[in-house]
């Protein structure tokens, strides 16, 4: 069954209608389940359309920051392990090994992004 996505305006309109009448009547009128109305009510209680948009924007931004933090932590861990195993290599060798290390980090970050 295909999951239908509702816009922010539609969700707020359904919730306002559910407040004016009952959740059952609003669910029938808008073609959604009662459970969807109760879930939206718990999530978006008392919000306006602009508040819902801001909430979604902040959640997206938070997800992006979490990914950046995970990538930074992974990079630091790989560099720490590299230094433990090999010590400080000569300057020219360090540059060559660092390029390989960055490719290794990029492959881990790609795997992490696919898993999430």
C-alpha atoms as a PDB file:
ATOM      1  CA  UNK A   1       0.000   0.000   0.000  1.00  0.00           C
ATOM      2  CA  UNK A   2       1.407   3.368  -0.994  1.00  0.00           C
ATOM      3  CA  UNK A   3       2.017   5.772   1.848  1.00  0.00           C
ATOM      4  CA  UNK A   4       0.429   9.151   1.179  1.00  0.00           C
ATOM      5  CA  UNK A   5       2.316  12.213   2.343  1.00  0.00           C
ATOM      6  CA  UNK A   6       0.430  15.237   3.563  1.00  0.00           C
ATOM      7  CA  UNK A   7       1.745  18.771   3.375  1.00  0.00           C
ATOM      8  CA  UNK A   8       2.207  20.882   6.470  1.00  0.00           C
ATOM      9  CA  UNK A   9      -0.895  22.896   5.635  1.00  0.00           C
ATOM     10  CA  UNK A  10      -2.992  19.743   5.235  1.00  0.00           C
ATOM     11  CA  UNK A  11      -1.835  18.304   8.566  1.00  0.00           C
ATOM     12  CA  UNK A  12      -2.642  21.537  10.408  1.00  0.00           C
ATOM     13  CA  UNK A  13      -6.042  21.727   8.680  1.00  0.00           C
ATOM     14  CA  UNK A  14      -6.893  18.146   9.665  1.00  0.00           C
ATOM     15  CA  UNK A  15      -5.864  18.819  13.261  1.00  0.00           C
ATOM     16  CA  UNK A  16      -7.969  21.989  13.431  1.00  0.00           C
ATOM     17  CA  UNK A  17     -10.928  20.082  12.030  1.00  0.00           C
ATOM     18  CA  UNK A  18     -10.365  17.308  14.581  1.00  0.00           C
ATOM     19  CA  UNK A  19     -10.384  19.894  17.374  1.00  0.00           C
ATOM     20  CA  UNK A  20     -13.639  21.400  16.096  1.00  0.00           C
ATOM     21  CA  UNK A  21     -15.372  18.033  15.687  1.00  0.00           C
ATOM     22  CA  UNK A  22     -14.113  14.586  16.642  1.00  0.00           C
ATOM     23  CA  UNK A  23     -11.085  12.643  15.476  1.00  0.00           C
ATOM     24  CA  UNK A  24     -13.337  10.031  13.883  1.00  0.00           C
ATOM     25  CA  UNK A  25     -15.304  12.598  11.859  1.00  0.00           C
ATOM     26  CA  UNK A  26     -12.136  14.405  10.760  1.00  0.00           C
ATOM     27  CA  UNK A  27     -10.520  11.111   9.776  1.00  0.00           C
ATOM     28  CA  UNK A  28     -13.478  10.183   7.579  1.00  0.00           C
ATOM     29  CA  UNK A  29     -13.695  13.647   6.062  1.00  0.00           C
ATOM     30  CA  UNK A  30      -9.990  13.863   5.120  1.00  0.00           C
ATOM     31  CA  UNK A  31      -9.429  10.197   4.301  1.00  0.00           C
ATOM     32  CA  UNK A  32      -6.863   9.441   6.982  1.00  0.00           C
ATOM     33  CA  UNK A  33      -6.854   6.982   9.829  1.00  0.00           C
ATOM     34  CA  UNK A  34      -7.717   7.972  13.368  1.00  0.00           C
ATOM     35  CA  UNK A  35      -4.255   6.821  14.403  1.00  0.00           C
ATOM     36  CA  UNK A  36      -2.687   9.350  12.015  1.00  0.00           C
ATOM     37  CA  UNK A  37      -4.673  12.145  13.629  1.00  0.00           C
ATOM     38  CA  UNK A  38      -3.649  11.062  17.127  1.00  0.00           C
ATOM     39  CA  UNK A  39      -0.009  10.735  16.043  1.00  0.00           C
ATOM     40  CA  UNK A  40      -0.057  14.178  14.416  1.00  0.00           C
ATOM     41  CA  UNK A  41      -1.771  15.599  17.483  1.00  0.00           C
ATOM     42  CA  UNK A  42       1.024  14.278  19.719  1.00  0.00           C
ATOM     43  CA  UNK A  43       3.677  15.589  17.371  1.00  0.00           C
ATOM     44  CA  UNK A  44       2.235  18.940  16.257  1.00  0.00           C
ATOM     45  CA  UNK A  45      -0.150  19.906  19.083  1.00  0.00           C
ATOM     46  CA  UNK A  46      -0.996  23.617  18.969  1.00  0.00           C
ATOM     47  CA  UNK A  47       1.414  24.475  16.153  1.00  0.00           C
ATOM     48  CA  UNK A  48       0.792  26.722  13.206  1.00  0.00           C
ATOM     49  CA  UNK A  49       1.959  25.884   9.676  1.00  0.00           C
ATOM     50  CA  UNK A  50       5.099  27.993  10.079  1.00  0.00           C
ATOM     51  CA  UNK A  51       5.931  26.194  13.341  1.00  0.00           C
ATOM     52  CA  UNK A  52       5.629  22.791  11.660  1.00  0.00           C
ATOM     53  CA  UNK A  53       7.909  23.918   8.827  1.00  0.00           C
ATOM     54  CA  UNK A  54      10.446  25.268  11.321  1.00  0.00           C
ATOM     55  CA  UNK A  55      10.355  21.994  13.260  1.00  0.00           C
ATOM     56  CA  UNK A  56      11.033  19.979  10.101  1.00  0.00           C
ATOM     57  CA  UNK A  57      13.837  22.352   9.079  1.00  0.00           C
ATOM     58  CA  UNK A  58      15.483  22.072  12.497  1.00  0.00           C
ATOM     59  CA  UNK A  59      15.210  18.270  12.425  1.00  0.00           C
ATOM     60  CA  UNK A  60      16.843  18.144   8.982  1.00  0.00           C
ATOM     61  CA  UNK A  61      19.610  20.457  10.141  1.00  0.00           C
ATOM     62  CA  UNK A  62      20.152  18.364  13.265  1.00  0.00           C
ATOM     63  CA  UNK A  63      20.456  15.215  11.120  1.00  0.00           C
ATOM     64  CA  UNK A  64      23.046  16.930   8.930  1.00  0.00           C
ATOM     65  CA  UNK A  65      25.073  17.985  11.987  1.00  0.00           C
ATOM     66  CA  UNK A  66      24.953  14.450  13.384  1.00  0.00           C
ATOM     67  CA  UNK A  67      26.341  13.091  10.108  1.00  0.00           C
ATOM     68  CA  UNK A  68      29.114  15.702  10.091  1.00  0.00           C
ATOM     69  CA  UNK A  69      30.014  14.835  13.680  1.00  0.00           C
ATOM     70  CA  UNK A  70      30.093  11.117  12.915  1.00  0.00           C
ATOM     71  CA  UNK A  71      32.341  11.699   9.898  1.00  0.00           C
ATOM     72  CA  UNK A  72      34.668  13.874  11.976  1.00  0.00           C
ATOM     73  CA  UNK A  73      34.852  11.276  14.723  1.00  0.00           C
ATOM     74  CA  UNK A  74      35.542   8.537  12.172  1.00  0.00           C
ATOM     75  CA  UNK A  75      38.294  10.597  10.584  1.00  0.00           C
ATOM     76  CA  UNK A  76      39.908  11.265  13.958  1.00  0.00           C
ATOM     77  CA  UNK A  77      39.754   7.569  14.863  1.00  0.00           C
ATOM     78  CA  UNK A  78      41.340   6.492  11.567  1.00  0.00           C
ATOM     79  CA  UNK A  79      44.119   9.059  11.958  1.00  0.00           C
ATOM     80  CA  UNK A  80      44.708   7.983  15.567  1.00  0.00           C
ATOM     81  CA  UNK A  81      44.964   4.310  14.554  1.00  0.00           C
ATOM     82  CA  UNK A  82      47.221   5.191  11.644  1.00  0.00           C
ATOM     83  CA  UNK A  83      49.607   7.079  13.941  1.00  0.00           C
ATOM     84  CA  UNK A  84      49.612   4.234  16.475  1.00  0.00           C
ATOM     85  CA  UNK A  85      50.503   1.597  13.891  1.00  0.00           C
ATOM     86  CA  UNK A  86      53.094   3.439  11.861  1.00  0.00           C
ATOM     87  CA  UNK A  87      54.385   6.267  14.012  1.00  0.00           C
ATOM     88  CA  UNK A  88      55.199   9.534  12.340  1.00  0.00           C
ATOM     89  CA  UNK A  89      56.375   8.775   8.785  1.00  0.00           C
ATOM     90  CA  UNK A  90      58.856  11.024   6.937  1.00  0.00           C
ATOM     91  CA  UNK A  91      57.323  14.143   5.415  1.00  0.00           C
ATOM     92  CA  UNK A  92      57.161  12.896   1.818  1.00  0.00           C
ATOM     93  CA  UNK A  93      55.814   9.472   2.801  1.00  0.00           C
ATOM     94  CA  UNK A  94      53.245  11.091   5.096  1.00  0.00           C
ATOM     95  CA  UNK A  95      51.761  12.970   2.158  1.00  0.00           C
ATOM     96  CA  UNK A  96      51.392   9.799   0.086  1.00  0.00           C
ATOM     97  CA  UNK A  97      49.995   7.811   2.989  1.00  0.00           C
ATOM     98  CA  UNK A  98      47.620  10.629   3.921  1.00  0.00           C
ATOM     99  CA  UNK A  99      46.013  10.496   0.452  1.00  0.00           C
ATOM    100  CA  UNK A 100      45.399   6.774   0.896  1.00  0.00           C
ATOM    101  CA  UNK A 101      44.061   7.430   4.377  1.00  0.00           C
ATOM    102  CA  UNK A 102      41.606  10.025   3.078  1.00  0.00           C
ATOM    103  CA  UNK A 103      40.350   7.545   0.462  1.00  0.00           C
ATOM    104  CA  UNK A 104      39.881   5.038   3.281  1.00  0.00           C
ATOM    105  CA  UNK A 105      37.922   7.603   5.311  1.00  0.00           C
ATOM    106  CA  UNK A 106      35.754   8.496   2.319  1.00  0.00           C
ATOM    107  CA  UNK A 107      34.862   4.845   1.734  1.00  0.00           C
ATOM    108  CA  UNK A 108      33.825   4.490   5.406  1.00  0.00           C
ATOM    109  CA  UNK A 109      31.709   7.644   5.247  1.00  0.00           C
ATOM    110  CA  UNK A 110      29.999   6.402   2.083  1.00  0.00           C
ATOM    111  CA  UNK A 111      29.229   3.082   3.768  1.00  0.00           C
ATOM    112  CA  UNK A 112      27.913   4.954   6.831  1.00  0.00           C
ATOM    113  CA  UNK A 113      25.654   7.145   4.687  1.00  0.00           C
ATOM    114  CA  UNK A 114      24.254   4.108   2.878  1.00  0.00           C
ATOM    115  CA  UNK A 115      23.540   2.380   6.187  1.00  0.00           C
ATOM    116  CA  UNK A 116      21.636   5.325   7.656  1.00  0.00           C
END
